[in-house]
């Protein structure tokens, strides 16, 4: 039976249930939905800290004081323009500063300030709290197995995106 041969649902509630069943078996959709919802929750939790989760991730990645802006682009996974804007904001807030690289005069190393290190500690605690709250909705063994399985996927099969002729873009969030 093809999708066009499928009988029409009797009502909207049935259509919603059929759609939920289809999506419940779609790993990509489940991961995207979970990721989006978790990121929104973490974003809300970061508001009192005065930094965004992205800024926190940049600070965390730059904490050792050895990474250039280009290194951070690759490590954090944002484009160059976004990285420049993020580091500009971190500098303006006194959380990080750019310093010349000893080995490459064209490169700038991002150094986290003492205030930035305090923000990293606050961010770690916030992320840990939110993740603990989310995972606490599952039985402990299920949560452990979920994290272990997800880590294996990321370390093995889903380490790098596959080559694709067309660039895959994330949908913009509606406001």
Protein backbone atom coordinates (compact mmCIF):
# COMPACT_ATOMS: atom_id res chain seq x y z
CA UNK A 1 0.00 0.00 0.00
CA UNK A 2 1.46 3.38 -0.94
CA UNK A 3 0.93 6.56 0.99
CA UNK A 4 -1.70 7.66 -1.52
CA UNK A 5 -3.61 4.39 -0.98
CA UNK A 6 -3.87 4.94 2.77
CA UNK A 7 -7.46 5.61 3.89
CA UNK A 8 -8.25 9.08 5.21
CA UNK A 9 -8.46 9.31 9.01
CA UNK A 10 -12.00 9.74 10.32
CA UNK A 11 -11.13 12.80 12.38
CA UNK A 12 -8.30 15.08 13.44
CA UNK A 13 -7.59 13.07 16.62
CA UNK A 14 -7.01 9.92 14.57
CA UNK A 15 -4.77 11.81 12.14
CA UNK A 16 -2.72 13.15 15.04
CA UNK A 17 -2.34 9.66 16.53
CA UNK A 18 -1.25 8.22 13.15
CA UNK A 19 1.29 11.03 12.77
CA UNK A 20 2.63 10.48 16.26
CA UNK A 21 3.04 6.75 15.56
CA UNK A 22 5.00 7.46 12.39
CA UNK A 23 7.25 10.02 14.09
CA UNK A 24 7.77 7.87 17.20
CA UNK A 25 9.81 5.45 15.08
CA UNK A 26 11.87 8.17 13.35
CA UNK A 27 15.25 8.48 15.12
CA UNK A 28 16.12 11.76 13.41
CA UNK A 29 12.84 13.38 14.39
CA UNK A 30 13.07 12.11 17.98
CA UNK A 31 16.65 13.35 18.39
CA UNK A 32 15.81 16.71 16.80
CA UNK A 33 12.72 17.18 18.99
CA UNK A 34 14.59 16.17 22.16
CA UNK A 35 17.55 18.39 21.24
CA UNK A 36 15.35 21.39 20.51
CA UNK A 37 13.35 21.03 23.72
CA UNK A 38 16.46 20.48 25.84
CA UNK A 39 18.19 23.48 24.25
CA UNK A 40 15.18 25.70 24.98
CA UNK A 41 15.15 24.53 28.60
CA UNK A 42 18.89 25.10 28.99
CA UNK A 43 18.58 28.49 27.27
CA UNK A 44 15.95 29.55 29.80
CA UNK A 45 18.13 28.33 32.66
CA UNK A 46 21.05 30.40 31.34
CA UNK A 47 19.13 33.71 31.38
CA UNK A 48 20.06 34.52 35.01
CA UNK A 49 23.74 33.88 34.20
CA UNK A 50 23.79 36.69 31.64
CA UNK A 51 25.32 34.54 28.89
CA UNK A 52 23.87 32.35 26.18
CA UNK A 53 24.53 28.63 26.01
CA UNK A 54 26.61 29.31 22.86
CA UNK A 55 28.78 31.81 24.76
CA UNK A 56 29.17 29.26 27.54
CA UNK A 57 30.26 26.59 25.05
CA UNK A 58 32.83 28.97 23.55
CA UNK A 59 34.16 29.82 27.03
CA UNK A 60 34.29 26.14 27.95
CA UNK A 61 36.15 25.26 24.74
CA UNK A 62 38.59 28.17 25.21
CA UNK A 63 39.22 27.51 28.91
CA UNK A 64 42.70 26.04 28.41
CA UNK A 65 43.93 29.25 26.73
CA UNK A 66 45.43 27.47 23.72
CA UNK A 67 42.71 27.77 21.09
CA UNK A 68 42.45 30.25 18.27
CA UNK A 69 39.17 31.60 16.95
CA UNK A 70 39.49 29.17 14.02
CA UNK A 71 40.02 26.25 16.40
CA UNK A 72 36.90 27.28 18.30
CA UNK A 73 34.85 27.48 15.08
CA UNK A 74 35.63 23.83 14.41
CA UNK A 75 35.31 22.67 18.00
CA UNK A 76 32.04 24.43 18.88
CA UNK A 77 30.51 24.00 15.43
CA UNK A 78 29.43 27.52 14.53
CA UNK A 79 30.28 29.60 11.49
CA UNK A 80 33.07 32.21 11.55
CA UNK A 81 30.74 35.21 11.65
CA UNK A 82 28.82 33.81 14.61
CA UNK A 83 32.09 33.03 16.41
CA UNK A 84 33.38 36.57 15.90
CA UNK A 85 30.13 38.03 17.25
CA UNK A 86 30.16 35.65 20.21
CA UNK A 87 33.76 36.46 21.12
CA UNK A 88 33.06 40.19 20.69
CA UNK A 89 30.22 39.84 23.23
CA UNK A 90 32.44 37.82 25.60
CA UNK A 91 35.13 40.49 25.40
CA UNK A 92 32.61 43.28 25.99
CA UNK A 93 31.38 41.43 29.10
CA UNK A 94 34.94 40.95 30.39
CA UNK A 95 34.71 37.16 30.13
CA UNK A 96 37.38 36.56 27.47
CA UNK A 97 40.00 38.40 25.45
CA UNK A 98 41.85 37.86 22.21
CA UNK A 99 45.63 37.70 22.38
CA UNK A 100 48.18 37.35 19.60
CA UNK A 101 49.33 33.79 18.96
CA UNK A 102 53.04 33.23 19.63
CA UNK A 103 53.43 30.94 16.59
CA UNK A 104 51.19 32.66 14.04
CA UNK A 105 50.96 36.44 14.04
CA UNK A 106 47.73 36.31 11.99
CA UNK A 107 45.92 34.18 14.57
CA UNK A 108 44.35 35.27 17.85
CA UNK A 109 44.13 33.02 20.89
CA UNK A 110 40.96 33.33 22.95
CA UNK A 111 41.84 33.55 26.64
CA UNK A 112 39.19 33.24 29.33
CA UNK A 113 39.42 35.84 32.10
CA UNK A 114 38.98 35.00 35.80
CA UNK A 115 35.39 36.29 35.55
CA UNK A 116 34.93 34.02 32.52
CA UNK A 117 36.13 31.02 34.52
CA UNK A 118 33.52 31.85 37.17
CA UNK A 119 30.89 31.93 34.40
CA UNK A 120 32.07 28.52 33.16
CA UNK A 121 31.58 27.08 36.65
CA UNK A 122 28.07 28.59 36.83
CA UNK A 123 27.30 27.25 33.35
CA UNK A 124 28.51 23.74 34.19
CA UNK A 125 26.33 23.70 37.29
CA UNK A 126 23.34 24.93 35.29
CA UNK A 127 23.79 22.36 32.52
CA UNK A 128 24.28 19.59 35.08
CA UNK A 129 21.13 20.63 36.97
CA UNK A 130 18.92 20.78 33.86
CA UNK A 131 20.27 17.53 32.45
CA UNK A 132 19.81 15.80 35.81
CA UNK A 133 16.23 17.06 36.02
CA UNK A 134 15.48 15.85 32.49
CA UNK A 135 17.09 12.45 32.98
CA UNK A 136 15.36 12.04 36.36
CA UNK A 137 12.10 11.60 34.44
CA UNK A 138 13.46 8.21 33.30
CA UNK A 139 14.26 5.24 35.49
CA UNK A 140 17.97 5.41 36.46
CA UNK A 141 18.97 2.33 34.42
CA UNK A 142 17.09 3.61 31.37
CA UNK A 143 18.80 7.01 31.66
CA UNK A 144 22.23 5.37 31.97
CA UNK A 145 21.57 3.09 28.99
CA UNK A 146 20.26 6.03 26.95
CA UNK A 147 23.38 8.13 27.61
CA UNK A 148 25.68 5.17 26.95
CA UNK A 149 23.93 4.31 23.69
CA UNK A 150 23.88 7.92 22.52
CA UNK A 151 27.59 8.28 23.32
CA UNK A 152 28.35 5.12 21.30
CA UNK A 153 26.40 6.49 18.33
CA UNK A 154 28.24 9.81 18.49
CA UNK A 155 31.63 8.11 18.93
CA UNK A 156 31.06 5.63 16.12
CA UNK A 157 28.39 5.81 13.42
CA UNK A 158 27.38 9.45 13.92
CA UNK A 159 30.86 10.91 14.50
CA UNK A 160 30.86 13.04 11.34
CA UNK A 161 28.07 14.07 8.99
CA UNK A 162 27.97 12.17 5.73
CA UNK A 163 28.70 13.96 2.48
CA UNK A 164 25.60 15.46 0.97
CA UNK A 165 25.03 17.18 -2.37
CA UNK A 166 22.63 19.64 -0.81
CA UNK A 167 23.38 21.54 2.38
CA UNK A 168 21.09 20.52 5.18
CA UNK A 169 19.91 23.53 7.16
CA UNK A 170 18.08 23.80 10.39
CA UNK A 171 14.60 25.25 10.30
CA UNK A 172 14.29 28.72 11.73
CA UNK A 173 12.36 29.00 14.92
CA UNK A 174 9.09 30.89 14.60
CA UNK A 175 8.43 33.63 17.10
